[in-house]
Amino acid sequence: MTIATPRPRRSVLYMPAANARTLEKAQTLDADAFIFDLEDAVAPDAKEAARAQLHAALARFDYRGRERVVRVNGLGTRWAAEDLRMAAASGADAVLVPKVESPAMLREAEAALAAAGAPPDQALWAMMETPAAFLRADAIAGATPRLACLAMGTSDLAQELRAQHTPDRMALLPSLALGLLAARAHGLAALDGVHLDLADEAGFVAACRQALVMGFDGKTLIHPRTIAAANAVFAPAPERIAWAERVTAVHAEAEAAGQGIVLLDGKLIENLHVVEARRILATAAAIARSSAPSR
């Protein structure tokens, strides 16, 4: 699913659907998106109640245009079918399928959503959290036009790799790169995994910066206190916005004058620079719109 205007996904916060207070509090938070979780964050004996509570919250609360994503329980569990039926009718923007390991899993979820009457613009997101997922990342990313985002599940991935957590995340980088490559090849958004140590603020910022340099759109979060830092890191820097404005301006002037070669500060500006400049400006504008006070 290609989105012409970039949607900010700098900060994507997991919210347990079993916690009524957090569902209400999300209305006041400045995350770009919320993943309302019916899976890992909900105990087995609370699944049905959490599903009903989330359905009511999505109908009742005003999340101020933030993207609302429902993470359902894994396909094949006894809760998945009802989760998908609820999500299809919930008004949520997207449905996140956990532990995706094949294109067939996404097509199964898509068929269930369609059968339950999901609107055509309700997107699918895929959790990439196992070695099998990353080895099949290209096929997964191309599974269906309804797919909009690949979310990296680095905690489960590290466990399955038997990897050690280090500040540079060296053990995870090959998998993250595969996921990012697949997402970009198919025009999808890509989100980095969570940072588990809430006391390690410097480490969190470093992980965000690493993900930004790699090319990720944003980071999934587990606590509201990390929203501001993620938003700051993944927003286009002022100097990047200024560069983008100059690139688009000189390109427009050159086109108007019928010039085939465009120079900026003595450097050749090619079409790829113009495309990137327009993306940066569109992203900055989208962030500004989402940050504007509600009227």
C-alpha atoms as a PDB file:
ATOM      1  CA  MET A   1       0.000   0.000   0.000  1.00  0.00           C
ATOM      2  CA  THR A   2       1.710   3.183  -1.209  1.00  0.00           C
ATOM      3  CA  ILE A   3       0.909   6.351   0.690  1.00  0.00           C
ATOM      4  CA  ALA A   4       1.473   9.483  -1.409  1.00  0.00           C
ATOM      5  CA  THR A   5       1.701  11.819   1.584  1.00  0.00           C
ATOM      6  CA  PRO A   6       4.031  10.460   4.295  1.00  0.00           C
ATOM      7  CA  ARG A   7       2.279   9.757   7.562  1.00  0.00           C
ATOM      8  CA  PRO A   8       4.436  10.522  10.607  1.00  0.00           C
ATOM      9  CA  ARG A   9       5.441   7.378  12.452  1.00  0.00           C
ATOM     10  CA  ARG A  10       8.327   8.727  14.508  1.00  0.00           C
ATOM     11  CA  SER A  11       6.908   7.330  17.751  1.00  0.00           C
ATOM     12  CA  VAL A  12       4.599   4.310  17.796  1.00  0.00           C
ATOM     13  CA  LEU A  13       3.549   3.425  21.340  1.00  0.00           C
ATOM     14  CA  TYR A  14       2.330   0.002  22.468  1.00  0.00           C
ATOM     15  CA  MET A  15      -0.702   0.316  24.738  1.00  0.00           C
ATOM     16  CA  PRO A  16      -2.159  -2.713  26.599  1.00  0.00           C
ATOM     17  CA  ALA A  17      -5.797  -3.100  25.632  1.00  0.00           C
ATOM     18  CA  ALA A  18      -6.584  -4.609  29.036  1.00  0.00           C
ATOM     19  CA  ASN A  19      -5.764  -1.342  30.812  1.00  0.00           C
ATOM     20  CA  ALA A  20      -8.731   1.031  30.617  1.00  0.00           C
ATOM     21  CA  ARG A  21      -6.711   3.936  32.004  1.00  0.00           C
ATOM     22  CA  THR A  22      -4.057   3.725  29.301  1.00  0.00           C
ATOM     23  CA  LEU A  23      -6.674   3.570  26.555  1.00  0.00           C
ATOM     24  CA  GLU A  24      -8.106   6.845  27.837  1.00  0.00           C
ATOM     25  CA  LYS A  25      -4.715   8.440  28.531  1.00  0.00           C
ATOM     26  CA  ALA A  26      -3.617   7.867  24.928  1.00  0.00           C
ATOM     27  CA  GLN A  27      -5.884  10.759  23.952  1.00  0.00           C
ATOM     28  CA  THR A  28      -3.439  13.167  25.613  1.00  0.00           C
ATOM     29  CA  LEU A  29      -0.160  11.692  24.356  1.00  0.00           C
ATOM     30  CA  ASP A  30       1.877  13.028  21.457  1.00  0.00           C
ATOM     31  CA  ALA A  31       2.886   9.722  19.897  1.00  0.00           C
ATOM     32  CA  ASP A  32       2.348   9.620  16.151  1.00  0.00           C
ATOM     33  CA  ALA A  33       0.613   6.249  16.414  1.00  0.00           C
ATOM     34  CA  PHE A  34      -0.660   3.773  18.979  1.00  0.00           C
ATOM     35  CA  ILE A  35      -0.554  -0.007  18.827  1.00  0.00           C
ATOM     36  CA  PHE A  36      -3.392  -1.216  21.031  1.00  0.00           C
ATOM     37  CA  ASP A  37      -2.170  -4.628  22.068  1.00  0.00           C
ATOM     38  CA  LEU A  38      -4.370  -7.687  22.473  1.00  0.00           C
ATOM     39  CA  GLU A  39      -1.438 -10.090  22.312  1.00  0.00           C
ATOM     40  CA  ASP A  40       1.644 -10.017  24.572  1.00  0.00           C
ATOM     41  CA  ALA A  41       0.337  -7.361  26.968  1.00  0.00           C
ATOM     42  CA  VAL A  42      -2.874  -9.240  27.815  1.00  0.00           C
ATOM     43  CA  ALA A  43      -3.120 -12.356  29.976  1.00  0.00           C
ATOM     44  CA  PRO A  44      -5.033 -15.325  28.486  1.00  0.00           C
ATOM     45  CA  ASP A  45      -7.940 -15.004  30.916  1.00  0.00           C
ATOM     46  CA  ALA A  46      -8.331 -11.296  30.061  1.00  0.00           C
ATOM     47  CA  LYS A  47      -8.347 -11.543  26.262  1.00  0.00           C
ATOM     48  CA  GLU A  48     -12.108 -11.364  25.692  1.00  0.00           C
ATOM     49  CA  ALA A  49     -12.623  -8.505  28.117  1.00  0.00           C
ATOM     50  CA  ALA A  50      -9.702  -6.570  26.627  1.00  0.00           C
ATOM     51  CA  ARG A  51     -11.114  -7.009  23.123  1.00  0.00           C
ATOM     52  CA  ALA A  52     -14.497  -5.626  24.140  1.00  0.00           C
ATOM     53  CA  GLN A  53     -12.905  -2.794  26.088  1.00  0.00           C
ATOM     54  CA  LEU A  54     -10.739  -1.801  23.128  1.00  0.00           C
ATOM     55  CA  HIS A  55     -13.684  -1.845  20.737  1.00  0.00           C
ATOM     56  CA  ALA A  56     -15.563   0.521  23.031  1.00  0.00           C
ATOM     57  CA  ALA A  57     -12.550   2.799  23.465  1.00  0.00           C
ATOM     58  CA  LEU A  58     -11.973   3.148  19.714  1.00  0.00           C
ATOM     59  CA  ALA A  59     -15.592   4.159  19.301  1.00  0.00           C
ATOM     60  CA  ARG A  60     -15.633   6.537  22.263  1.00  0.00           C
ATOM     61  CA  PHE A  61     -12.275   8.290  22.555  1.00  0.00           C
ATOM     62  CA  ASP A  62     -10.774  11.006  20.372  1.00  0.00           C
ATOM     63  CA  TYR A  63      -7.201  10.122  19.466  1.00  0.00           C
ATOM     64  CA  ARG A  64      -6.740  13.416  17.595  1.00  0.00           C
ATOM     65  CA  GLY A  65      -5.971  11.920  14.214  1.00  0.00           C
ATOM     66  CA  ARG A  66      -3.190   9.682  15.510  1.00  0.00           C
ATOM     67  CA  GLU A  67      -2.863   6.369  13.711  1.00  0.00           C
ATOM     68  CA  ARG A  68      -4.675   3.611  15.610  1.00  0.00           C
ATOM     69  CA  VAL A  69      -3.414   0.076  15.159  1.00  0.00           C
ATOM     70  CA  VAL A  70      -4.827  -3.082  16.718  1.00  0.00           C
ATOM     71  CA  ARG A  71      -2.347  -5.890  17.371  1.00  0.00           C
ATOM     72  CA  VAL A  72      -4.358  -9.080  17.272  1.00  0.00           C
ATOM     73  CA  ASN A  73      -3.383 -12.410  18.752  1.00  0.00           C
ATOM     74  CA  GLY A  74      -1.377 -14.759  16.594  1.00  0.00           C
ATOM     75  CA  LEU A  75      -3.123 -16.543  13.767  1.00  0.00           C
ATOM     76  CA  GLY A  76      -4.031 -20.039  14.918  1.00  0.00           C
ATOM     77  CA  THR A  77      -4.684 -19.009  18.514  1.00  0.00           C
ATOM     78  CA  ARG A  78      -8.222 -19.330  19.810  1.00  0.00           C
ATOM     79  CA  TRP A  79      -8.573 -15.545  20.014  1.00  0.00           C
ATOM     80  CA  ALA A  80      -7.405 -14.538  16.545  1.00  0.00           C
ATOM     81  CA  ALA A  81     -10.663 -14.931  14.628  1.00  0.00           C
ATOM     82  CA  GLU A  82     -12.666 -12.768  17.032  1.00  0.00           C
ATOM     83  CA  ASP A  83      -9.828 -10.251  17.265  1.00  0.00           C
ATOM     84  CA  LEU A  84      -9.866  -9.832  13.489  1.00  0.00           C
ATOM     85  CA  ARG A  85     -13.654  -9.522  13.382  1.00  0.00           C
ATOM     86  CA  MET A  86     -13.561  -6.845  16.061  1.00  0.00           C
ATOM     87  CA  ALA A  87     -10.691  -4.988  14.391  1.00  0.00           C
ATOM     88  CA  ALA A  88     -12.485  -4.982  11.038  1.00  0.00           C
ATOM     89  CA  ALA A  89     -15.450  -3.160  12.577  1.00  0.00           C
ATOM     90  CA  SER A  90     -13.505  -0.999  15.038  1.00  0.00           C
ATOM     91  CA  GLY A  91     -12.596   1.928  12.834  1.00  0.00           C
ATOM     92  CA  ALA A  92      -8.901   1.283  13.488  1.00  0.00           C
ATOM     93  CA  ASP A  93      -6.517   2.473  10.800  1.00  0.00           C
ATOM     94  CA  ALA A  94      -4.536  -0.756  10.705  1.00  0.00           C
ATOM     95  CA  VAL A  95      -4.304  -4.292  12.051  1.00  0.00           C
ATOM     96  CA  LEU A  96      -0.936  -5.620  13.192  1.00  0.00           C
ATOM     97  CA  VAL A  97      -0.398  -9.358  12.727  1.00  0.00           C
ATOM     98  CA  PRO A  98       2.233 -10.814  15.083  1.00  0.00           C
ATOM     99  CA  LYS A  99       4.930 -13.337  14.211  1.00  0.00           C
ATOM    100  CA  VAL A 100       4.397 -13.204  10.466  1.00  0.00           C
ATOM    101  CA  GLU A 101       6.572 -15.816   8.786  1.00  0.00           C
ATOM    102  CA  SER A 102       5.052 -16.150   5.321  1.00  0.00           C
ATOM    103  CA  PRO A 103       2.974 -14.261   2.759  1.00  0.00           C
ATOM    104  CA  ALA A 104       0.192 -16.791   3.312  1.00  0.00           C
ATOM    105  CA  MET A 105      -0.246 -15.599   6.901  1.00  0.00           C
ATOM    106  CA  LEU A 106      -0.922 -12.041   5.766  1.00  0.00           C
ATOM    107  CA  ARG A 107      -3.295 -13.204   3.044  1.00  0.00           C
ATOM    108  CA  GLU A 108      -5.157 -15.269   5.644  1.00  0.00           C
ATOM    109  CA  ALA A 109      -5.537 -12.206   7.873  1.00  0.00           C
ATOM    110  CA  GLU A 110      -6.581 -10.093   4.889  1.00  0.00           C
ATOM    111  CA  ALA A 111      -9.276 -12.600   3.918  1.00  0.00           C
ATOM    112  CA  ALA A 112     -10.616 -12.646   7.474  1.00  0.00           C
ATOM    113  CA  LEU A 113     -10.758  -8.842   7.592  1.00  0.00           C
ATOM    114  CA  ALA A 114     -12.512  -8.655   4.219  1.00  0.00           C
ATOM    115  CA  ALA A 115     -15.042 -11.293   5.264  1.00  0.00           C
ATOM    116  CA  ALA A 116     -15.763  -9.255   8.394  1.00  0.00           C
ATOM    117  CA  GLY A 117     -16.426  -6.131   6.342  1.00  0.00           C
ATOM    118  CA  ALA A 118     -13.186  -4.244   6.889  1.00  0.00           C
ATOM    119  CA  PRO A 119     -13.016  -1.043   4.820  1.00  0.00           C
ATOM    120  CA  PRO A 120     -10.646  -1.168   1.827  1.00  0.00           C
ATOM    121  CA  ASP A 121      -8.343   1.435   3.386  1.00  0.00           C
ATOM    122  CA  GLN A 122      -7.822  -0.455   6.640  1.00  0.00           C
ATOM    123  CA  ALA A 123      -4.177  -1.436   6.377  1.00  0.00           C
ATOM    124  CA  LEU A 124      -2.285  -4.495   7.490  1.00  0.00           C
ATOM    125  CA  TRP A 125       0.973  -4.273   9.398  1.00  0.00           C
ATOM    126  CA  ALA A 126       3.329  -7.221   9.860  1.00  0.00           C
ATOM    127  CA  MET A 127       5.441  -7.996  12.916  1.00  0.00           C
ATOM    128  CA  MET A 128       8.869  -9.259  11.848  1.00  0.00           C
ATOM    129  CA  GLU A 129      10.250 -11.044  14.885  1.00  0.00           C
ATOM    130  CA  THR A 130      11.687 -14.432  13.930  1.00  0.00           C
ATOM    131  CA  PRO A 131      14.598 -15.627  11.775  1.00  0.00           C
ATOM    132  CA  ALA A 132      12.103 -17.168   9.334  1.00  0.00           C
ATOM    133  CA  ALA A 133      10.402 -13.792   8.894  1.00  0.00           C
ATOM    134  CA  PHE A 134      13.594 -12.009   7.885  1.00  0.00           C
ATOM    135  CA  LEU A 135      14.719 -14.797   5.574  1.00  0.00           C
ATOM    136  CA  ARG A 136      11.368 -14.385   3.753  1.00  0.00           C
ATOM    137  CA  ALA A 137      11.144 -10.615   4.133  1.00  0.00           C
ATOM    138  CA  ASP A 138      10.831  -9.815   0.422  1.00  0.00           C
ATOM    139  CA  ALA A 139       7.973 -12.261  -0.103  1.00  0.00           C
ATOM    140  CA  ILE A 140       6.207 -11.046   3.043  1.00  0.00           C
ATOM    141  CA  ALA A 141       6.541  -7.394   2.048  1.00  0.00           C
ATOM    142  CA  GLY A 142       4.955  -8.148  -1.319  1.00  0.00           C
ATOM    143  CA  ALA A 143       2.162 -10.344   0.036  1.00  0.00           C
ATOM    144  CA  THR A 144      -0.772  -7.936  -0.414  1.00  0.00           C
ATOM    145  CA  PRO A 145      -1.472  -4.319  -1.427  1.00  0.00           C
ATOM    146  CA  ARG A 146      -3.186  -3.911   1.963  1.00  0.00           C
ATOM    147  CA  LEU A 147       0.186  -4.192   3.707  1.00  0.00           C
ATOM    148  CA  ALA A 148       1.510  -0.777   4.785  1.00  0.00           C
ATOM    149  CA  CYS A 149       4.232  -1.341   7.372  1.00  0.00           C
ATOM    150  CA  LEU A 150       6.826  -3.787   8.673  1.00  0.00           C
ATOM    151  CA  ALA A 151       7.385  -3.497  12.441  1.00  0.00           C
ATOM    152  CA  MET A 152      10.549  -5.077  13.803  1.00  0.00           C
ATOM    153  CA  GLY A 153      10.123  -7.254  16.866  1.00  0.00           C
ATOM    154  CA  THR A 154      13.676  -7.151  18.147  1.00  0.00           C
ATOM    155  CA  SER A 155      13.039  -8.660  21.583  1.00  0.00           C
ATOM    156  CA  ASP A 156      11.697 -11.961  20.263  1.00  0.00           C
ATOM    157  CA  LEU A 157      14.257 -11.904  17.462  1.00  0.00           C
ATOM    158  CA  ALA A 158      17.161 -11.573  19.892  1.00  0.00           C
ATOM    159  CA  GLN A 159      15.842 -14.500  21.905  1.00  0.00           C
ATOM    160  CA  GLU A 160      15.475 -16.732  18.850  1.00  0.00           C
ATOM    161  CA  LEU A 161      18.921 -15.768  17.581  1.00  0.00           C
ATOM    162  CA  ARG A 162      20.356 -16.443  21.051  1.00  0.00           C
ATOM    163  CA  ALA A 163      21.911 -13.021  20.651  1.00  0.00           C
ATOM    164  CA  GLN A 164      23.266 -10.830  23.421  1.00  0.00           C
ATOM    165  CA  HIS A 165      22.009  -7.288  23.831  1.00  0.00           C
ATOM    166  CA  THR A 166      24.838  -4.813  23.273  1.00  0.00           C
ATOM    167  CA  PRO A 167      24.688  -1.001  22.916  1.00  0.00           C
ATOM    168  CA  ASP A 168      25.600  -1.177  19.227  1.00  0.00           C
ATOM    169  CA  ARG A 169      22.942  -3.874  18.576  1.00  0.00           C
ATOM    170  CA  MET A 170      25.467  -5.586  16.324  1.00  0.00           C
ATOM    171  CA  ALA A 171      23.724  -8.974  16.462  1.00  0.00           C
ATOM    172  CA  LEU A 172      20.444  -7.503  15.193  1.00  0.00           C
ATOM    173  CA  LEU A 173      21.728  -5.309  12.372  1.00  0.00           C
ATOM    174  CA  PRO A 174      21.740  -7.955   9.603  1.00  0.00           C
ATOM    175  CA  SER A 175      18.087  -8.784  10.285  1.00  0.00           C
ATOM    176  CA  LEU A 176      17.078  -5.131  10.605  1.00  0.00           C
ATOM    177  CA  ALA A 177      18.753  -4.391   7.277  1.00  0.00           C
ATOM    178  CA  LEU A 178      16.875  -7.240   5.575  1.00  0.00           C
ATOM    179  CA  GLY A 179      13.573  -5.984   6.947  1.00  0.00           C
ATOM    180  CA  LEU A 180      14.310  -2.426   5.885  1.00  0.00           C
ATOM    181  CA  LEU A 181      15.385  -3.495   2.397  1.00  0.00           C
ATOM    182  CA  ALA A 182      12.165  -5.442   1.916  1.00  0.00           C
ATOM    183  CA  ALA A 183      10.019  -2.581   3.173  1.00  0.00           C
ATOM    184  CA  ARG A 184      11.635  -0.029   0.883  1.00  0.00           C
ATOM    185  CA  ALA A 185      11.566  -2.368  -2.124  1.00  0.00           C
ATOM    186  CA  HIS A 186       7.778  -2.586  -1.764  1.00  0.00           C
ATOM    187  CA  GLY A 187       7.053   1.001  -0.732  1.00  0.00           C
ATOM    188  CA  LEU A 188       6.241   0.193   2.900  1.00  0.00           C
ATOM    189  CA  ALA A 189       6.931   1.992   6.149  1.00  0.00           C
ATOM    190  CA  ALA A 190       9.509   0.421   8.467  1.00  0.00           C
ATOM    191  CA  LEU A 191       9.621   0.705  12.260  1.00  0.00           C
ATOM    192  CA  ASP A 192      12.506  -0.189  14.529  1.00  0.00           C
ATOM    193  CA  GLY A 193      11.954  -2.414  17.566  1.00  0.00           C
ATOM    194  CA  VAL A 194      11.539  -1.372  21.192  1.00  0.00           C
ATOM    195  CA  HIS A 195      14.234  -0.340  23.671  1.00  0.00           C
ATOM    196  CA  LEU A 196      13.595  -2.274  26.853  1.00  0.00           C
ATOM    197  CA  ASP A 197      15.776  -0.436  29.390  1.00  0.00           C
ATOM    198  CA  LEU A 198      13.738   2.627  30.382  1.00  0.00           C
ATOM    199  CA  ALA A 199      16.492   3.792  32.731  1.00  0.00           C
ATOM    200  CA  ASP A 200      18.952   3.997  29.829  1.00  0.00           C
ATOM    201  CA  GLU A 201      17.885   7.276  28.229  1.00  0.00           C
ATOM    202  CA  ALA A 202      21.190   7.787  26.424  1.00  0.00           C
ATOM    203  CA  GLY A 203      21.026   4.261  25.041  1.00  0.00           C
ATOM    204  CA  PHE A 204      17.494   4.861  23.811  1.00  0.00           C
ATOM    205  CA  VAL A 205      18.482   8.030  21.966  1.00  0.00           C
ATOM    206  CA  ALA A 206      21.502   6.252  20.479  1.00  0.00           C
ATOM    207  CA  ALA A 207      19.276   3.425  19.226  1.00  0.00           C
ATOM    208  CA  CYS A 208      16.894   5.954  17.672  1.00  0.00           C
ATOM    209  CA  ARG A 209      19.755   7.713  15.925  1.00  0.00           C
ATOM    210  CA  GLN A 210      21.108   4.418  14.656  1.00  0.00           C
ATOM    211  CA  ALA A 211      17.684   3.522  13.266  1.00  0.00           C
ATOM    212  CA  LEU A 212      17.387   6.960  11.645  1.00  0.00           C
ATOM    213  CA  VAL A 213      20.772   6.578   9.953  1.00  0.00           C
ATOM    214  CA  MET A 214      19.742   3.139   8.685  1.00  0.00           C
ATOM    215  CA  GLY A 215      16.573   4.605   7.164  1.00  0.00           C
ATOM    216  CA  PHE A 216      13.766   3.623   9.537  1.00  0.00           C
ATOM    217  CA  ASP A 217      10.700   5.859   9.767  1.00  0.00           C
ATOM    218  CA  GLY A 218      10.432   5.661  13.544  1.00  0.00           C
ATOM    219  CA  LYS A 219      10.590   3.482  16.616  1.00  0.00           C
ATOM    220  CA  THR A 220       8.104   1.363  18.514  1.00  0.00           C
ATOM    221  CA  LEU A 221       7.931   2.333  22.185  1.00  0.00           C
ATOM    222  CA  ILE A 222       6.865   0.781  25.467  1.00  0.00           C
ATOM    223  CA  HIS A 223       6.503   3.895  27.643  1.00  0.00           C
ATOM    224  CA  PRO A 224       5.157   7.429  27.126  1.00  0.00           C
ATOM    225  CA  ARG A 225       8.306   8.978  28.609  1.00  0.00           C
ATOM    226  CA  THR A 226      10.209   8.050  25.420  1.00  0.00           C
ATOM    227  CA  ILE A 227       7.811   9.752  22.992  1.00  0.00           C
ATOM    228  CA  ALA A 228       9.454  13.177  22.989  1.00  0.00           C
ATOM    229  CA  ALA A 229      12.942  11.827  22.318  1.00  0.00           C
ATOM    230  CA  ALA A 230      11.767   9.618  19.460  1.00  0.00           C
ATOM    231  CA  ASN A 231       9.807  12.492  17.924  1.00  0.00           C
ATOM    232  CA  ALA A 232      12.861  14.736  18.094  1.00  0.00           C
ATOM    233  CA  VAL A 233      15.272  12.231  16.562  1.00  0.00           C
ATOM    234  CA  PHE A 234      13.052  11.094  13.680  1.00  0.00           C
ATOM    235  CA  ALA A 235      11.720  14.521  12.709  1.00  0.00           C
ATOM    236  CA  PRO A 236      13.544  16.130   9.764  1.00  0.00           C
ATOM    237  CA  ALA A 237      16.295  18.340  11.174  1.00  0.00           C
ATOM    238  CA  PRO A 238      16.034  22.094  10.450  1.00  0.00           C
ATOM    239  CA  GLU A 239      19.110  21.972   8.234  1.00  0.00           C
ATOM    240  CA  ARG A 240      17.595  19.113   6.221  1.00  0.00           C
ATOM    241  CA  ILE A 241      14.389  21.093   5.753  1.00  0.00           C
ATOM    242  CA  ALA A 242      16.393  24.137   4.656  1.00  0.00           C
ATOM    243  CA  TRP A 243      18.342  21.992   2.170  1.00  0.00           C
ATOM    244  CA  ALA A 244      15.113  20.497   0.820  1.00  0.00           C
ATOM    245  CA  GLU A 245      13.570  23.942   0.353  1.00  0.00           C
ATOM    246  CA  ARG A 246      16.617  25.142  -1.581  1.00  0.00           C
ATOM    247  CA  VAL A 247      16.722  22.014  -3.750  1.00  0.00           C
ATOM    248  CA  THR A 248      13.077  22.273  -4.745  1.00  0.00           C
ATOM    249  CA  ALA A 249      13.424  26.006  -5.387  1.00  0.00           C
ATOM    250  CA  VAL A 250      16.472  25.785  -7.660  1.00  0.00           C
ATOM    251  CA  HIS A 251      14.966  22.794  -9.468  1.00  0.00           C
ATOM    252  CA  ALA A 252      11.749  24.719 -10.140  1.00  0.00           C
ATOM    253  CA  GLU A 253      13.738  27.715 -11.394  1.00  0.00           C
ATOM    254  CA  ALA A 254      15.802  25.524 -13.704  1.00  0.00           C
ATOM    255  CA  GLU A 255      12.709  23.836 -15.112  1.00  0.00           C
ATOM    256  CA  ALA A 256      11.049  27.197 -15.737  1.00  0.00           C
ATOM    257  CA  ALA A 257      14.164  28.385 -17.596  1.00  0.00           C
ATOM    258  CA  GLY A 258      14.391  25.188 -19.623  1.00  0.00           C
ATOM    259  CA  GLN A 259      17.757  24.276 -18.113  1.00  0.00           C
ATOM    260  CA  GLY A 260      18.775  20.629 -18.078  1.00  0.00           C
ATOM    261  CA  ILE A 261      21.492  20.925 -15.439  1.00  0.00           C
ATOM    262  CA  VAL A 262      20.800  22.142 -11.893  1.00  0.00           C
ATOM    263  CA  LEU A 263      23.587  23.215  -9.530  1.00  0.00           C
ATOM    264  CA  LEU A 264      23.332  24.072  -5.830  1.00  0.00           C
ATOM    265  CA  ASP A 265      26.457  25.323  -4.068  1.00  0.00           C
ATOM    266  CA  GLY A 266      28.473  23.942  -6.970  1.00  0.00           C
ATOM    267  CA  LYS A 267      26.957  20.458  -6.635  1.00  0.00           C
ATOM    268  CA  LEU A 268      24.866  18.746  -9.276  1.00  0.00           C
ATOM    269  CA  ILE A 269      21.245  18.257  -8.258  1.00  0.00           C
ATOM    270  CA  GLU A 270      19.761  15.128  -9.779  1.00  0.00           C
ATOM    271  CA  ASN A 271      16.188  13.886  -9.773  1.00  0.00           C
ATOM    272  CA  LEU A 272      16.893  11.596  -6.810  1.00  0.00           C
ATOM    273  CA  HIS A 273      17.779  14.679  -4.729  1.00  0.00           C
ATOM    274  CA  VAL A 274      14.536  16.371  -5.748  1.00  0.00           C
ATOM    275  CA  VAL A 275      12.507  13.297  -4.812  1.00  0.00           C
ATOM    276  CA  GLU A 276      14.196  13.144  -1.402  1.00  0.00           C
ATOM    277  CA  ALA A 277      13.727  16.876  -0.872  1.00  0.00           C
ATOM    278  CA  ARG A 278      10.010  16.615  -1.593  1.00  0.00           C
ATOM    279  CA  ARG A 279       9.720  13.666   0.799  1.00  0.00           C
ATOM    280  CA  ILE A 280      11.423  15.630   3.570  1.00  0.00           C
ATOM    281  CA  LEU A 281       9.160  18.640   3.072  1.00  0.00           C
ATOM    282  CA  ALA A 282       6.022  16.483   2.924  1.00  0.00           C
ATOM    283  CA  THR A 283       7.056  14.706   6.125  1.00  0.00           C
ATOM    284  CA  ALA A 284       7.753  18.003   7.912  1.00  0.00           C
ATOM    285  CA  ALA A 285       4.383  19.362   6.795  1.00  0.00           C
ATOM    286  CA  ALA A 286       2.590  16.229   7.985  1.00  0.00           C
ATOM    287  CA  ILE A 287       4.289  16.499  11.392  1.00  0.00           C
ATOM    288  CA  ALA A 288       3.286  20.146  11.638  1.00  0.00           C
ATOM    289  CA  ARG A 289      -0.333  19.287  10.858  1.00  0.00           C
ATOM    290  CA  SER A 290      -0.421  16.512  13.433  1.00  0.00           C
ATOM    291  CA  SER A 291       1.090  18.803  16.065  1.00  0.00           C
ATOM    292  CA  ALA A 292      -1.335  21.653  15.475  1.00  0.00           C
ATOM    293  CA  PRO A 293      -3.765  22.258  18.372  1.00  0.00           C
ATOM    294  CA  SER A 294      -7.218  20.743  17.881  1.00  0.00           C
ATOM    295  CA  ARG A 295      -9.962  23.254  17.222  1.00  0.00           C
END
